[in-house]
C-alpha atoms as a PDB file:
ATOM      1  CA  MET A   1      75.783-120.562 -48.147  1.00  0.00           C
ATOM      2  CA  PRO A   2      78.034-122.821 -50.231  1.00  0.00           C
ATOM      3  CA  ILE A   3      81.317-123.702 -48.536  1.00  0.00           C
ATOM      4  CA  VAL A   4      84.209-125.150 -50.509  1.00  0.00           C
ATOM      5  CA  GLN A   5      87.143-126.516 -48.533  1.00  0.00           C
ATOM      6  CA  ILE A   6      90.117-127.356 -50.742  1.00  0.00           C
ATOM      7  CA  SER A   7      93.074-129.404 -49.588  1.00  0.00           C
ATOM      8  CA  THR A   8      95.958-129.754 -52.000  1.00  0.00           C
ATOM      9  CA  ASN A   9      99.605-130.697 -52.032  1.00  0.00           C
ATOM     10  CA  LEU A  10     100.410-127.697 -54.230  1.00  0.00           C
ATOM     11  CA  LYS A  11     102.644-125.180 -52.481  1.00  0.00           C
ATOM     12  CA  THR A  12     101.024-121.998 -53.818  1.00  0.00           C
ATOM     13  CA  ILE A  13      97.509-120.982 -54.772  1.00  0.00           C
ATOM     14  CA  GLY A  14      96.881-117.453 -56.016  1.00  0.00           C
ATOM     15  CA  SER A  15      94.004-115.197 -55.040  1.00  0.00           C
ATOM     16  CA  SER A  16      92.832-115.217 -58.677  1.00  0.00           C
ATOM     17  CA  PHE A  17      92.133-118.951 -58.294  1.00  0.00           C
ATOM     18  CA  LEU A  18      90.044-118.285 -55.181  1.00  0.00           C
ATOM     19  CA  LYS A  19      88.039-115.639 -57.038  1.00  0.00           C
ATOM     20  CA  ALA A  20      87.521-117.915 -60.067  1.00  0.00           C
ATOM     21  CA  THR A  21      86.441-120.765 -57.783  1.00  0.00           C
ATOM     22  CA  THR A  22      83.976-118.475 -56.008  1.00  0.00           C
ATOM     23  CA  LEU A  23      82.458-117.513 -59.357  1.00  0.00           C
ATOM     24  CA  LEU A  24      82.219-121.155 -60.453  1.00  0.00           C
ATOM     25  CA  VAL A  25      80.483-122.210 -57.231  1.00  0.00           C
ATOM     26  CA  SER A  26      78.098-119.259 -57.465  1.00  0.00           C
ATOM     27  CA  GLU A  27      77.179-120.267 -61.022  1.00  0.00           C
ATOM     28  CA  LEU A  28      76.768-123.958 -60.165  1.00  0.00           C
ATOM     29  CA  THR A  29      74.608-123.396 -57.086  1.00  0.00           C
ATOM     30  CA  LYS A  30      72.790-120.312 -58.390  1.00  0.00           C
ATOM     31  CA  LYS A  31      73.624-118.602 -55.100  1.00  0.00           C
ATOM     32  CA  SER A  32      75.094-115.156 -54.667  1.00  0.00           C
ATOM     33  CA  GLU A  33      78.855-114.802 -54.961  1.00  0.00           C
ATOM     34  CA  LYS A  34      78.853-112.911 -51.636  1.00  0.00           C
ATOM     35  CA  ASP A  35      77.481-116.025 -49.899  1.00  0.00           C
ATOM     36  CA  VAL A  36      80.194-118.404 -51.176  1.00  0.00           C
ATOM     37  CA  LEU A  37      83.037-119.314 -48.816  1.00  0.00           C
ATOM     38  CA  VAL A  38      86.192-120.803 -50.382  1.00  0.00           C
ATOM     39  CA  MET A  39      89.184-121.845 -48.296  1.00  0.00           C
ATOM     40  CA  VAL A  40      92.426-123.602 -49.185  1.00  0.00           C
ATOM     41  CA  ASN A  41      94.724-125.811 -47.159  1.00  0.00           C
ATOM     42  CA  LYS A  42      97.874-126.099 -49.248  1.00  0.00           C
ATOM     43  CA  ASP A  43     101.208-127.866 -49.148  1.00  0.00           C
ATOM     44  CA  PHE A  44     100.018-130.976 -47.312  1.00  0.00           C
ATOM     45  CA  GLU A  45     101.430-134.413 -47.843  1.00  0.00           C
ATOM     46  CA  VAL A  46      99.205-136.851 -49.698  1.00  0.00           C
ATOM     47  CA  TYR A  47      99.624-140.200 -51.380  1.00  0.00           C
ATOM     48  CA  TYR A  48      96.848-141.454 -53.649  1.00  0.00           C
ATOM     49  CA  ASN A  49      96.678-144.117 -56.332  1.00  0.00           C
ATOM     50  CA  GLY A  50     100.364-144.940 -55.990  1.00  0.00           C
ATOM     51  CA  SER A  51     101.586-141.359 -56.364  1.00  0.00           C
ATOM     52  CA  SER A  52     102.153-138.035 -54.633  1.00  0.00           C
ATOM     53  CA  ASP A  53     101.491-136.098 -57.872  1.00  0.00           C
ATOM     54  CA  PRO A  54      99.394-132.909 -57.578  1.00  0.00           C
ATOM     55  CA  LEU A  55      96.004-133.641 -56.072  1.00  0.00           C
ATOM     56  CA  ALA A  56      93.005-131.714 -54.786  1.00  0.00           C
ATOM     57  CA  PHE A  57      90.456-132.955 -52.288  1.00  0.00           C
ATOM     58  CA  ILE A  58      87.372-130.746 -52.172  1.00  0.00           C
ATOM     59  CA  ARG A  59      84.616-130.813 -49.592  1.00  0.00           C
ATOM     60  CA  PHE A  60      81.639-129.072 -51.213  1.00  0.00           C
ATOM     61  CA  THR A  61      78.947-128.123 -48.701  1.00  0.00           C
ATOM     62  CA  SER A  62      75.687-126.457 -49.691  1.00  0.00           C
ATOM     63  CA  ILE A  63      72.218-126.516 -48.184  1.00  0.00           C
ATOM     64  CA  GLY A  64      69.642-127.972 -50.542  1.00  0.00           C
ATOM     65  CA  MET A  65      72.141-129.302 -53.081  1.00  0.00           C
ATOM     66  CA  PRO A  66      70.320-131.886 -55.220  1.00  0.00           C
ATOM     67  CA  LYS A  67      72.116-135.238 -55.455  1.00  0.00           C
ATOM     68  CA  GLU A  68      71.340-135.375 -59.176  1.00  0.00           C
ATOM     69  CA  ASP A  69      73.607-132.330 -59.663  1.00  0.00           C
ATOM     70  CA  HIS A  70      76.666-134.017 -58.132  1.00  0.00           C
ATOM     71  CA  VAL A  71      77.903-135.457 -61.448  1.00  0.00           C
ATOM     72  CA  LYS A  72      77.597-132.073 -63.197  1.00  0.00           C
ATOM     73  CA  TYR A  73      79.304-130.302 -60.281  1.00  0.00           C
ATOM     74  CA  SER A  74      82.092-132.883 -60.148  1.00  0.00           C
ATOM     75  CA  ALA A  75      82.776-132.534 -63.885  1.00  0.00           C
ATOM     76  CA  SER A  76      82.851-128.721 -63.676  1.00  0.00           C
ATOM     77  CA  ILE A  77      85.107-128.738 -60.622  1.00  0.00           C
ATOM     78  CA  ALA A  78      87.535-131.265 -62.151  1.00  0.00           C
ATOM     79  CA  GLU A  79      87.746-129.194 -65.338  1.00  0.00           C
ATOM     80  CA  HIS A  80      88.299-126.017 -63.293  1.00  0.00           C
ATOM     81  CA  PHE A  81      91.164-127.528 -61.294  1.00  0.00           C
ATOM     82  CA  ASN A  82      92.698-128.986 -64.441  1.00  0.00           C
ATOM     83  CA  SER A  83      92.596-125.726 -66.408  1.00  0.00           C
ATOM     84  CA  GLU A  84      93.516-123.395 -63.524  1.00  0.00           C
ATOM     85  CA  LEU A  85      96.051-125.502 -61.597  1.00  0.00           C
ATOM     86  CA  SER A  86      97.026-128.274 -64.050  1.00  0.00           C
ATOM     87  CA  ILE A  87      95.815-130.972 -61.683  1.00  0.00           C
ATOM     88  CA  CYS A  88      94.837-134.107 -63.598  1.00  0.00           C
ATOM     89  CA  LYS A  89      91.058-134.636 -63.475  1.00  0.00           C
ATOM     90  CA  SER A  90      91.583-138.140 -62.092  1.00  0.00           C
ATOM     91  CA  ARG A  91      93.307-136.546 -59.081  1.00  0.00           C
ATOM     92  CA  VAL A  92      90.457-134.197 -58.214  1.00  0.00           C
ATOM     93  CA  VAL A  93      88.335-135.828 -55.521  1.00  0.00           C
ATOM     94  CA  VAL A  94      85.080-134.185 -54.414  1.00  0.00           C
ATOM     95  CA  GLU A  95      82.973-134.966 -51.360  1.00  0.00           C
ATOM     96  CA  PHE A  96      79.461-133.497 -51.435  1.00  0.00           C
ATOM     97  CA  TYR A  97      77.537-132.621 -48.292  1.00  0.00           C
ATOM     98  CA  SER A  98      74.110-131.014 -48.024  1.00  0.00           C
ATOM     99  CA  PRO A  99      73.340-130.289 -44.361  1.00  0.00           C
ATOM    100  CA  PRO A 100      69.934-129.200 -43.111  1.00  0.00           C
ATOM    101  CA  PRO A 101      69.738-125.424 -42.511  1.00  0.00           C
ATOM    102  CA  THR A 102      69.643-126.076 -38.761  1.00  0.00           C
ATOM    103  CA  ASP A 103      73.163-127.545 -38.949  1.00  0.00           C
ATOM    104  CA  LEU A 104      74.983-124.578 -40.491  1.00  0.00           C
ATOM    105  CA  GLY A 105      75.710-121.509 -38.394  1.00  0.00           C
ATOM    106  CA  LYS A 106      76.401-117.941 -39.467  1.00  0.00           C
ATOM    107  CA  SER A 107      76.322-114.552 -37.718  1.00  0.00           C
ATOM    108  CA  GLY A 108      75.726-116.125 -34.297  1.00  0.00           C
ATOM    109  CA  SER A 109      72.666-118.063 -35.452  1.00  0.00           C
ATOM    110  CA  THR A 110      71.773-120.841 -37.874  1.00  0.00           C
ATOM    111  CA  ILE A 111      70.759-120.504 -41.504  1.00  0.00           C
ATOM    112  CA  ALA A 112      67.306-121.809 -40.540  1.00  0.00           C
ATOM    113  CA  GLU A 113      66.812-119.050 -37.956  1.00  0.00           C
ATOM    114  CA  LEU A 114      68.217-116.344 -40.245  1.00  0.00           C
ATOM    115  CA  LYS A 115      65.751-117.392 -42.965  1.00  0.00           C
ATOM    116  CA  LYS A 116      62.869-117.159 -40.482  1.00  0.00           C
ATOM    117  CA  MET A 117      63.894-113.588 -39.616  1.00  0.00           C
ATOM    118  CA  GLN A 118      63.883-112.619 -43.323  1.00  0.00           C
ATOM    119  CA  GLN A 119      60.259-113.690 -43.754  1.00  0.00           C
END
């Protein structure tokens, strides 16, 4: 269940961007689009690298995400934010997190327990 939390100082983000981001994350992680959660916190104040120009901070969470894929994911995400929202690639900051399946809950259980029930 990939989770993408986006914080940006942009005032508006359209639903088409959320859909496009969901598709991108689904392609990158090879996980179903229906399992991808994308949320946006917009219009927050931020100052980075001497400027308050448009910026996006992304927390990308996905169980089993290989560390060797982080560079590829970061490049794809930066390009996506640049082409869709005109945010300079140098102002797209991504934090990757790959929790164990026991540490992510869904439907009143954990991913680990839900996987056991599917077997």
